Amino acid sequence: MGWLIIKYLLSAAVVVAVSEFAKRSDKLGGLVAALPLITLLVLIWLHIEQQPIEKIANHARYTFWYVIPTLPMFLLFPWLLPRLGFWPRLGVSVVFTVLCFGAFALTLRRFGIELL
């Protein structure tokens, strides 16, 4: 149980740190947010918990494929900024990302890569 609490605290600390960096500097916040900090933590947790090497490798591989269809959201969200309120803008961006992911998954399936 203690290990789980440590995992929660360290993982939460990363999210809090990124939001604090973002409050102080747009560029630094964006840079730190773009770093795969959560993925690195997950890889470390999986390794420490002695998960099979294949599971660790699969996590890294799928993370790569899942990041690609999320990238358009980072262009759409700021573009919608002056046009809608925060919550509608966020909702539209999430729906758009889900649609991008679905299209991307269907495209990759043709090449033998199953994301769903």
Protein backbone atom coordinates (compact mmCIF):
# COMPACT_ATOMS: atom_id res chain seq x y z
CA MET A 1 0.00 0.00 0.00
CA GLY A 2 2.88 2.37 0.76
CA TRP A 3 4.30 1.88 -2.72
CA LEU A 4 0.98 2.83 -4.30
CA ILE A 5 0.87 6.05 -2.27
CA ILE A 6 4.42 6.91 -3.38
CA LYS A 7 3.39 6.31 -7.01
CA TYR A 8 0.37 8.59 -6.63
CA LEU A 9 2.35 11.35 -4.94
CA LEU A 10 5.20 11.35 -7.46
CA SER A 11 2.86 11.16 -10.43
CA ALA A 12 0.69 13.97 -9.05
CA ALA A 13 3.81 16.04 -8.37
CA VAL A 14 4.69 15.90 -12.06
CA VAL A 15 1.27 17.23 -13.07
CA VAL A 16 1.41 19.99 -10.46
CA ALA A 17 4.95 20.95 -11.52
CA VAL A 18 3.91 21.24 -15.17
CA SER A 19 0.96 23.47 -14.29
CA GLU A 20 3.18 25.66 -12.11
CA PHE A 21 5.76 26.00 -14.90
CA ALA A 22 2.94 26.93 -17.30
CA LYS A 23 1.71 29.68 -14.97
CA ARG A 24 5.16 31.26 -14.94
CA SER A 25 6.15 30.84 -18.59
CA ASP A 26 4.11 29.79 -21.61
CA LYS A 27 7.18 28.47 -23.41
CA LEU A 28 8.67 26.63 -20.44
CA GLY A 29 5.28 25.21 -19.49
CA GLY A 30 4.74 23.97 -23.04
CA LEU A 31 8.22 22.46 -23.18
CA VAL A 32 7.84 20.63 -19.88
CA ALA A 33 4.33 19.48 -20.81
CA ALA A 34 5.64 18.13 -24.12
CA LEU A 35 8.24 16.01 -22.37
CA PRO A 36 7.06 12.44 -21.90
CA LEU A 37 7.31 12.70 -18.11
CA ILE A 38 4.24 10.60 -17.34
CA THR A 39 5.33 7.95 -19.83
CA LEU A 40 8.79 7.85 -18.28
CA LEU A 41 7.24 7.42 -14.84
CA VAL A 42 5.03 4.62 -16.10
CA LEU A 43 8.02 2.86 -17.67
CA ILE A 44 9.89 3.19 -14.37
CA TRP A 45 6.90 1.90 -12.37
CA LEU A 46 6.50 -1.08 -14.72
CA HIS A 47 10.21 -1.89 -14.43
CA ILE A 48 10.27 -1.58 -10.64
CA GLU A 49 7.18 -3.78 -10.43
CA GLN A 50 9.05 -6.36 -12.53
CA GLN A 51 6.65 -6.39 -15.44
CA PRO A 52 7.79 -8.38 -18.47
CA ILE A 53 10.07 -6.51 -20.85
CA GLU A 54 7.54 -7.08 -23.64
CA LYS A 55 4.84 -5.22 -21.66
CA ILE A 56 7.21 -2.29 -21.08
CA ALA A 57 8.19 -2.18 -24.75
CA ASN A 58 4.54 -2.40 -25.85
CA HIS A 59 3.64 0.50 -23.59
CA ALA A 60 6.31 2.70 -25.19
CA ARG A 61 5.33 1.59 -28.70
CA TYR A 62 1.60 2.23 -28.21
CA THR A 63 2.29 5.58 -26.56
CA PHE A 64 4.10 6.63 -29.75
CA TRP A 65 1.14 5.70 -31.93
CA TYR A 66 -1.40 7.29 -29.56
CA VAL A 67 0.43 10.64 -29.45
CA ILE A 68 0.25 11.25 -33.20
CA PRO A 69 -3.55 11.70 -33.53
CA THR A 70 -3.62 14.00 -30.49
CA LEU A 71 -1.30 16.58 -32.07
CA PRO A 72 -3.98 18.40 -34.13
CA MET A 73 -5.79 19.26 -30.89
CA PHE A 74 -2.90 21.53 -29.91
CA LEU A 75 -3.56 23.59 -33.03
CA LEU A 76 -7.37 23.51 -32.87
CA PHE A 77 -7.68 24.46 -29.19
CA PRO A 78 -5.84 27.81 -29.42
CA TRP A 79 -7.51 28.60 -32.76
CA LEU A 80 -10.93 28.24 -31.09
CA LEU A 81 -9.83 30.41 -28.16
CA PRO A 82 -11.39 33.69 -29.31
CA ARG A 83 -14.43 31.97 -30.85
CA LEU A 84 -15.94 29.95 -27.98
CA GLY A 85 -15.85 29.78 -24.21
CA PHE A 86 -13.34 27.54 -22.45
CA TRP A 87 -15.57 24.51 -21.85
CA PRO A 88 -17.13 24.37 -25.34
CA ARG A 89 -13.65 24.83 -26.84
CA LEU A 90 -12.32 22.01 -24.70
CA GLY A 91 -15.25 19.78 -25.63
CA VAL A 92 -14.85 20.42 -29.36
CA SER A 93 -11.12 19.72 -29.09
CA VAL A 94 -11.72 16.43 -27.28
CA VAL A 95 -14.34 15.29 -29.82
CA PHE A 96 -12.02 16.27 -32.68
CA THR A 97 -9.17 14.31 -31.06
CA VAL A 98 -11.38 11.23 -30.69
CA LEU A 99 -12.34 11.49 -34.37
CA CYS A 100 -8.68 11.90 -35.37
CA PHE A 101 -7.77 8.87 -33.28
CA GLY A 102 -10.52 6.76 -34.88
CA ALA A 103 -9.44 7.73 -38.38
CA PHE A 104 -5.79 7.14 -37.50
CA ALA A 105 -6.55 3.72 -36.01
CA LEU A 106 -8.50 2.69 -39.11
CA THR A 107 -5.65 3.87 -41.34
CA LEU A 108 -3.01 1.99 -39.35
CA ARG A 109 -5.13 -1.17 -39.35
CA ARG A 110 -4.50 -1.35 -43.11
CA PHE A 111 -0.79 -1.64 -42.29
CA GLY A 112 -1.27 -4.34 -39.66
CA ILE A 113 -1.06 -2.05 -36.62
CA GLU A 114 -3.99 -2.56 -34.25
CA LEU A 115 -4.65 0.32 -31.86
CA LEU A 116 -8.18 -0.59 -30.83
